[in-house]
Amino acid sequence: MALPPGTYGLRIFWTDGGCSVVRRASFELPSGRHFVFDFLVIRCPLFEPAREEILSEEEASARLKKSNPMAIPFDKQVEHYQEELFPAEPGRRPEIVVSFGKYRNRPDEIRYFPLHQVLADHSTVTSPPLPGLPVIVTVDRYTLRASEVVLDKKTMVFTAKGGLSVSDGQHNSTGTSATLSFSGGLPRLDIER
C-alpha cells in the first residue's frame, strides 16, 4: 500500500475470539521509504462479551490506562494479553507500546513477561507451556521482541533479553540482548550479538 509521507499508527482488530486489538506505536514515514511490519498474534480467550463501540483516540487511550493500572501484584495477576502505552513526549521520546502477558511493577523498574498460549481445553496440561507471544516493544519503525523486557523508570531505558529479535521495518536481526534508549527524542537501539 502506497501512503504519502506522514505519521501513522497500525492496529489489528478481529472478532473471532481474539485479543480484540493489537497495536504498534506510531511511526514516521518519510518520502520514498518502504517499511514492512509483521504482527505476531495468538488466539486469546475472551474475558468479556464482545460489544461494538466507536471510541476517539483519547477515549481509547484513557480506557486503556484505566483498565490496566499496572498496580496488581504479580502473584495476583491472571496472564492475558496486555498493552502499556507511553505517549510521546516531544524532544524526549516518541510513542511506545509494550505488549506482554504479565508484569512485575517495582518503584524503580517494570519487568514484562511474555504471554503463553492458552489451550481451549483446560483439562490438557502441557509442559513446558505452548509458545505464545514474546514481550513486544514498538517505537517508531522499530519492533523489539524478547522473552523478558525491563524498563528502568528513571531513565526510560528498556533492556531486552532471551529470544531477541529486532526489526527496523526493513531489516531483521537477532542477538542475545538489546538496549533501547532515547536521545534528542529519537530511539537508539544497541544490540549485543
Protein backbone atom coordinates (compact mmCIF):
# COMPACT_ATOMS: atom_id res chain seq x y z
CA MET A 1 0.00 0.00 0.00
CA ALA A 2 1.48 3.35 -1.01
CA LEU A 3 1.00 6.13 1.55
CA PRO A 4 2.02 9.78 1.48
CA PRO A 5 4.74 10.89 3.93
CA GLY A 6 3.41 11.38 7.44
CA THR A 7 2.92 9.82 10.87
CA TYR A 8 0.91 6.59 11.01
CA GLY A 9 -0.34 4.11 13.61
CA LEU A 10 -1.21 0.47 12.92
CA ARG A 11 -3.85 -1.57 14.70
CA ILE A 12 -5.25 -5.04 14.03
CA PHE A 13 -8.88 -5.68 15.01
CA TRP A 14 -10.64 -9.05 14.88
CA THR A 15 -13.84 -10.57 16.14
CA ASP A 16 -13.18 -14.34 16.28
CA GLY A 17 -12.30 -14.80 19.95
CA GLY A 18 -9.11 -12.82 19.83
CA CYS A 19 -7.39 -10.15 21.86
CA SER A 20 -9.68 -7.63 20.05
CA VAL A 21 -6.98 -5.02 19.30
CA VAL A 22 -3.25 -5.34 18.77
CA ARG A 23 -1.40 -2.11 18.16
CA ARG A 24 2.08 -0.84 17.43
CA ALA A 25 3.47 2.60 18.23
CA SER A 26 3.01 5.33 15.66
CA PHE A 27 5.85 5.80 13.19
CA GLU A 28 7.10 8.49 10.83
CA LEU A 29 7.02 7.50 7.15
CA PRO A 30 9.46 9.68 5.18
CA SER A 31 9.08 10.22 1.45
CA GLY A 32 10.42 7.32 -0.62
CA ARG A 33 10.81 4.89 2.33
CA HIS A 34 9.36 1.39 2.40
CA PHE A 35 8.58 -0.37 5.71
CA VAL A 36 7.32 -3.91 6.37
CA PHE A 37 5.77 -4.71 9.75
CA ASP A 38 5.00 -8.26 10.89
CA PHE A 39 2.48 -8.87 13.66
CA LEU A 40 2.60 -11.92 15.94
CA VAL A 41 -0.82 -12.91 17.25
CA ILE A 42 -2.30 -15.86 19.11
CA ARG A 43 -5.86 -16.81 19.91
CA CYS A 44 -6.77 -15.30 23.27
CA PRO A 45 -9.72 -16.30 25.43
CA LEU A 46 -12.46 -13.71 25.72
CA PHE A 47 -12.78 -12.35 29.24
CA GLU A 48 -15.68 -10.03 28.42
CA PRO A 49 -18.54 -10.36 25.96
CA ALA A 50 -17.77 -8.58 22.69
CA ARG A 51 -19.53 -5.29 22.13
CA GLU A 52 -19.40 -2.78 19.36
CA GLU A 53 -18.36 0.75 20.14
CA ILE A 54 -16.61 3.59 18.42
CA LEU A 55 -14.11 5.49 20.54
CA SER A 56 -11.97 8.52 19.85
CA GLU A 57 -8.20 8.08 20.19
CA GLU A 58 -8.35 9.99 23.52
CA GLU A 59 -11.18 7.79 24.87
CA ALA A 60 -9.37 4.60 23.81
CA SER A 61 -6.15 5.78 25.46
CA ALA A 62 -7.99 6.77 28.67
CA ARG A 63 -9.79 3.42 28.78
CA LEU A 64 -6.52 1.51 28.28
CA LYS A 65 -4.89 3.41 31.17
CA LYS A 66 -7.93 2.93 33.43
CA SER A 67 -8.31 -0.78 32.67
CA ASN A 68 -4.61 -1.51 33.11
CA PRO A 69 -3.31 0.47 36.08
CA MET A 70 -0.15 -1.70 36.40
CA ALA A 71 -0.81 -1.98 40.14
CA ILE A 72 -1.80 -5.64 40.54
CA PRO A 73 0.76 -7.72 42.48
CA PHE A 74 2.49 -10.33 40.28
CA ASP A 75 1.09 -13.33 42.20
CA LYS A 76 -2.49 -11.97 41.86
CA GLN A 77 -2.35 -11.43 38.08
CA VAL A 78 -4.04 -13.65 35.53
CA GLU A 79 -1.85 -13.94 32.46
CA HIS A 80 -3.60 -12.34 29.49
CA TYR A 81 -2.78 -10.06 26.56
CA GLN A 82 -1.98 -6.57 27.84
CA GLU A 83 -0.57 -3.38 26.36
CA GLU A 84 1.03 -0.42 28.06
CA LEU A 85 1.10 2.83 26.13
CA PHE A 86 3.70 5.52 26.81
CA PRO A 87 2.53 8.66 24.99
CA ALA A 88 5.08 10.63 23.00
CA GLU A 89 6.95 13.40 24.80
CA PRO A 90 8.25 15.78 22.09
CA GLY A 91 12.01 16.25 22.32
CA ARG A 92 12.34 13.31 24.74
CA ARG A 93 10.85 10.23 23.04
CA PRO A 94 8.21 9.06 20.55
CA GLU A 95 5.16 6.97 21.47
CA ILE A 96 5.98 3.48 22.84
CA VAL A 97 3.69 0.45 23.06
CA VAL A 98 4.68 -2.61 25.13
CA SER A 99 2.68 -5.86 24.69
CA PHE A 100 3.03 -8.58 27.34
CA GLY A 101 1.31 -11.29 29.41
CA LYS A 102 2.31 -10.40 33.00
CA TYR A 103 4.41 -7.75 34.69
CA ARG A 104 6.23 -7.01 37.93
CA ASN A 105 5.94 -3.29 38.75
CA ARG A 106 8.52 -2.03 41.26
CA PRO A 107 9.34 1.55 42.28
CA ASP A 108 12.44 1.70 40.04
CA GLU A 109 11.54 -0.70 37.20
CA ILE A 110 8.84 -2.63 35.39
CA ARG A 111 9.68 -6.18 34.30
CA TYR A 112 7.49 -7.50 31.45
CA PHE A 113 6.94 -11.22 30.74
CA PRO A 114 5.54 -12.99 27.64
CA LEU A 115 2.03 -14.29 27.05
CA HIS A 116 1.91 -18.07 26.81
CA GLN A 117 -0.55 -19.84 24.53
CA VAL A 118 -3.79 -20.68 26.33
CA LEU A 119 -5.39 -24.01 25.50
CA ALA A 120 -9.11 -24.11 24.77
CA ASP A 121 -9.30 -27.46 26.63
CA HIS A 122 -8.10 -26.61 30.14
CA SER A 123 -8.03 -30.31 31.12
CA THR A 124 -4.96 -30.74 28.90
CA VAL A 125 -1.76 -29.68 30.61
CA THR A 126 1.42 -29.23 28.63
CA SER A 127 4.91 -28.82 29.96
CA PRO A 128 6.58 -26.56 29.01
CA PRO A 129 3.79 -24.14 28.03
CA LEU A 130 2.94 -23.77 24.37
CA PRO A 131 4.73 -20.92 22.61
CA GLY A 132 2.85 -17.67 22.73
CA LEU A 133 3.70 -14.04 22.26
CA PRO A 134 7.04 -12.67 23.44
CA VAL A 135 7.20 -9.28 25.07
CA ILE A 136 6.95 -6.82 22.17
CA VAL A 137 8.13 -3.21 22.30
CA THR A 138 7.28 -0.95 19.35
CA VAL A 139 8.65 2.55 18.94
CA ASP A 140 8.76 4.47 15.67
CA ARG A 141 9.78 1.94 12.98
CA TYR A 142 11.42 -0.48 15.48
CA THR A 143 9.86 -3.71 16.73
CA LEU A 144 11.73 -5.48 19.52
CA ARG A 145 10.69 -8.99 20.65
CA ALA A 146 12.18 -10.83 23.66
CA SER A 147 11.45 -13.27 26.47
CA GLU A 148 11.86 -10.54 29.05
CA VAL A 149 12.00 -6.75 28.92
CA VAL A 150 12.91 -4.46 31.81
CA LEU A 151 12.09 -0.74 31.85
CA ASP A 152 14.23 1.49 34.07
CA LYS A 153 11.59 4.06 35.10
CA LYS A 154 14.09 6.80 35.96
CA THR A 155 15.99 6.74 32.64
CA MET A 156 13.22 5.32 30.36
CA VAL A 157 15.74 2.74 29.09
CA PHE A 158 14.41 -0.67 28.02
CA THR A 159 16.67 -3.75 28.29
CA ALA A 160 15.60 -6.92 26.48
CA LYS A 161 17.00 -10.45 26.57
CA GLY A 162 16.14 -14.02 25.64
CA GLY A 163 14.98 -14.99 22.14
CA LEU A 164 15.74 -11.46 20.98
CA SER A 165 14.72 -10.28 17.52
CA VAL A 166 14.68 -6.72 16.23
CA SER A 167 13.19 -5.22 13.08
CA ASP A 168 13.52 -1.67 11.79
CA GLY A 169 10.82 -2.07 9.13
CA GLN A 170 13.42 -3.01 6.53
CA HIS A 171 15.87 -5.46 8.15
CA ASN A 172 15.58 -8.15 10.82
CA SER A 173 18.33 -9.15 13.21
CA THR A 174 18.81 -11.28 16.32
CA GLY A 175 21.02 -11.02 19.37
CA THR A 176 21.47 -12.01 22.99
CA SER A 177 20.35 -8.67 24.44
CA ALA A 178 19.41 -5.14 23.42
CA THR A 179 19.09 -1.72 24.99
CA LEU A 180 16.55 0.82 23.77
CA SER A 181 17.21 4.40 24.86
CA PHE A 182 16.32 7.86 23.58
CA SER A 183 18.50 10.77 22.54
CA GLY A 184 17.04 14.08 21.39
CA GLY A 185 13.60 12.49 21.04
CA LEU A 186 14.83 9.67 18.76
CA PRO A 187 15.10 5.97 19.62
CA ARG A 188 18.59 4.45 19.88
CA LEU A 189 18.86 0.67 19.74
CA ASP A 190 22.07 -1.15 20.74
CA ILE A 191 22.13 -4.90 20.07
CA GLU A 192 24.61 -7.34 21.61
CA ARG A 193 25.11 -10.33 19.33
